């Protein structure tokens, strides 16, 4: 990891940049094999981000449209009720 850190500012298409690419790829493969991570449930991910950013359902309206679109998901409704 120290070697990768020392190469972080390497320019692409240089020997150092190529070495960085190879080393980071090896680390990614190692981590994927030894520490696999499942993707989060989409609703849980949204709830997590809402909580982390102190967002309310109303804050999502510019993205989702009216609150009714957000409330169509009962899990989000439960979250909205909790945040009130």
C-alpha atoms as a PDB file:
ATOM      1  CA  UNK A   1       0.000   0.000   0.000  1.00  0.00           C
ATOM      2  CA  UNK A   2       2.892   2.362   0.679  1.00  0.00           C
ATOM      3  CA  UNK A   3       4.158   1.736  -2.835  1.00  0.00           C
ATOM      4  CA  UNK A   4       0.739   2.566  -4.290  1.00  0.00           C
ATOM      5  CA  UNK A   5       0.556   5.676  -2.165  1.00  0.00           C
ATOM      6  CA  UNK A   6       3.947   6.813  -3.435  1.00  0.00           C
ATOM      7  CA  UNK A   7       2.715   6.429  -7.022  1.00  0.00           C
ATOM      8  CA  UNK A   8      -0.610   8.237  -6.618  1.00  0.00           C
ATOM      9  CA  UNK A   9       0.634  11.346  -8.430  1.00  0.00           C
ATOM     10  CA  UNK A  10       2.091   9.368 -11.350  1.00  0.00           C
ATOM     11  CA  UNK A  11       1.152  10.594 -14.803  1.00  0.00           C
ATOM     12  CA  UNK A  12      -0.812   8.230 -17.059  1.00  0.00           C
ATOM     13  CA  UNK A  13       1.139   6.438 -19.780  1.00  0.00           C
ATOM     14  CA  UNK A  14       4.415   6.602 -17.881  1.00  0.00           C
ATOM     15  CA  UNK A  15       6.269   3.656 -16.327  1.00  0.00           C
ATOM     16  CA  UNK A  16       5.157   4.853 -12.883  1.00  0.00           C
ATOM     17  CA  UNK A  17       1.562   5.265 -14.068  1.00  0.00           C
ATOM     18  CA  UNK A  18       1.562   1.779 -15.559  1.00  0.00           C
ATOM     19  CA  UNK A  19       2.987   0.348 -12.328  1.00  0.00           C
ATOM     20  CA  UNK A  20       0.245   2.110 -10.367  1.00  0.00           C
ATOM     21  CA  UNK A  21      -2.423   0.660 -12.669  1.00  0.00           C
ATOM     22  CA  UNK A  22      -1.073  -2.873 -12.268  1.00  0.00           C
ATOM     23  CA  UNK A  23      -0.701  -2.610  -8.500  1.00  0.00           C
ATOM     24  CA  UNK A  24      -4.179  -1.156  -7.940  1.00  0.00           C
ATOM     25  CA  UNK A  25      -5.682  -3.847 -10.147  1.00  0.00           C
ATOM     26  CA  UNK A  26      -3.948  -6.525  -8.088  1.00  0.00           C
ATOM     27  CA  UNK A  27      -5.245  -4.996  -4.856  1.00  0.00           C
ATOM     28  CA  UNK A  28      -8.793  -4.793  -6.270  1.00  0.00           C
ATOM     29  CA  UNK A  29      -8.703  -8.461  -7.305  1.00  0.00           C
ATOM     30  CA  UNK A  30      -7.324  -9.509  -3.909  1.00  0.00           C
ATOM     31  CA  UNK A  31     -10.001  -7.538  -2.052  1.00  0.00           C
ATOM     32  CA  UNK A  32     -12.784  -8.884  -4.276  1.00  0.00           C
ATOM     33  CA  UNK A  33     -11.676 -12.466  -3.599  1.00  0.00           C
ATOM     34  CA  UNK A  34     -10.948 -12.167   0.105  1.00  0.00           C
ATOM     35  CA  UNK A  35     -13.421  -9.484   1.192  1.00  0.00           C
ATOM     36  CA  UNK A  36     -16.448  -9.704  -1.133  1.00  0.00           C
ATOM     37  CA  UNK A  37     -19.112  -7.082  -0.589  1.00  0.00           C
ATOM     38  CA  UNK A  38     -22.735  -7.445  -1.576  1.00  0.00           C
ATOM     39  CA  UNK A  39     -24.516  -4.458  -3.024  1.00  0.00           C
ATOM     40  CA  UNK A  40     -26.827  -2.804  -0.505  1.00  0.00           C
ATOM     41  CA  UNK A  41     -30.572  -2.971  -0.789  1.00  0.00           C
ATOM     42  CA  UNK A  42     -31.556   0.160  -2.794  1.00  0.00           C
ATOM     43  CA  UNK A  43     -34.135   1.302  -0.251  1.00  0.00           C
ATOM     44  CA  UNK A  44     -31.704   0.806   2.620  1.00  0.00           C
ATOM     45  CA  UNK A  45     -29.040   2.733   0.700  1.00  0.00           C
ATOM     46  CA  UNK A  46     -31.451   5.617   0.137  1.00  0.00           C
ATOM     47  CA  UNK A  47     -32.525   5.617   3.779  1.00  0.00           C
ATOM     48  CA  UNK A  48     -28.877   5.611   4.852  1.00  0.00           C
ATOM     49  CA  UNK A  49     -28.048   8.591   2.634  1.00  0.00           C
ATOM     50  CA  UNK A  50     -31.158  10.458   3.774  1.00  0.00           C
ATOM     51  CA  UNK A  51     -30.172   9.975   7.389  1.00  0.00           C
ATOM     52  CA  UNK A  52     -26.512  10.792   6.744  1.00  0.00           C
ATOM     53  CA  UNK A  53     -27.434  14.034   4.980  1.00  0.00           C
ATOM     54  CA  UNK A  54     -30.374  14.856   7.286  1.00  0.00           C
ATOM     55  CA  UNK A  55     -32.765  14.839   4.330  1.00  0.00           C
ATOM     56  CA  UNK A  56     -36.515  14.580   4.499  1.00  0.00           C
ATOM     57  CA  UNK A  57     -38.907  13.171   1.916  1.00  0.00           C
ATOM     58  CA  UNK A  58     -39.684  16.754   0.922  1.00  0.00           C
ATOM     59  CA  UNK A  59     -35.992  17.222   0.070  1.00  0.00           C
ATOM     60  CA  UNK A  60     -36.287  14.433  -2.497  1.00  0.00           C
ATOM     61  CA  UNK A  61     -39.097  16.077  -4.464  1.00  0.00           C
ATOM     62  CA  UNK A  62     -36.764  17.811  -6.961  1.00  0.00           C
ATOM     63  CA  UNK A  63     -35.481  14.351  -7.904  1.00  0.00           C
ATOM     64  CA  UNK A  64     -38.608  12.212  -7.567  1.00  0.00           C
ATOM     65  CA  UNK A  65     -41.377  14.684  -8.299  1.00  0.00           C
ATOM     66  CA  UNK A  66     -44.140  14.971  -5.760  1.00  0.00           C
ATOM     67  CA  UNK A  67     -43.950  13.371  -2.354  1.00  0.00           C
ATOM     68  CA  UNK A  68     -46.488  10.823  -3.571  1.00  0.00           C
ATOM     69  CA  UNK A  69     -43.780   9.201  -5.676  1.00  0.00           C
ATOM     70  CA  UNK A  70     -41.606   8.854  -2.620  1.00  0.00           C
ATOM     71  CA  UNK A  71     -44.475   7.578  -0.507  1.00  0.00           C
ATOM     72  CA  UNK A  72     -45.295   4.854  -3.026  1.00  0.00           C
ATOM     73  CA  UNK A  73     -42.623   2.814  -1.304  1.00  0.00           C
ATOM     74  CA  UNK A  74     -43.949   1.784   2.096  1.00  0.00           C
ATOM     75  CA  UNK A  75     -40.479   1.519   3.588  1.00  0.00           C
ATOM     76  CA  UNK A  76     -39.825   5.149   2.726  1.00  0.00           C
ATOM     77  CA  UNK A  77     -43.181   6.029   4.233  1.00  0.00           C
ATOM     78  CA  UNK A  78     -42.085   4.428   7.490  1.00  0.00           C
ATOM     79  CA  UNK A  79     -38.867   6.421   7.361  1.00  0.00           C
ATOM     80  CA  UNK A  80     -40.757   9.636   6.660  1.00  0.00           C
ATOM     81  CA  UNK A  81     -43.061   8.965   9.603  1.00  0.00           C
ATOM     82  CA  UNK A  82     -40.042   8.316  11.805  1.00  0.00           C
ATOM     83  CA  UNK A  83     -38.354  11.606  10.766  1.00  0.00           C
ATOM     84  CA  UNK A  84     -41.426  13.766  11.549  1.00  0.00           C
END
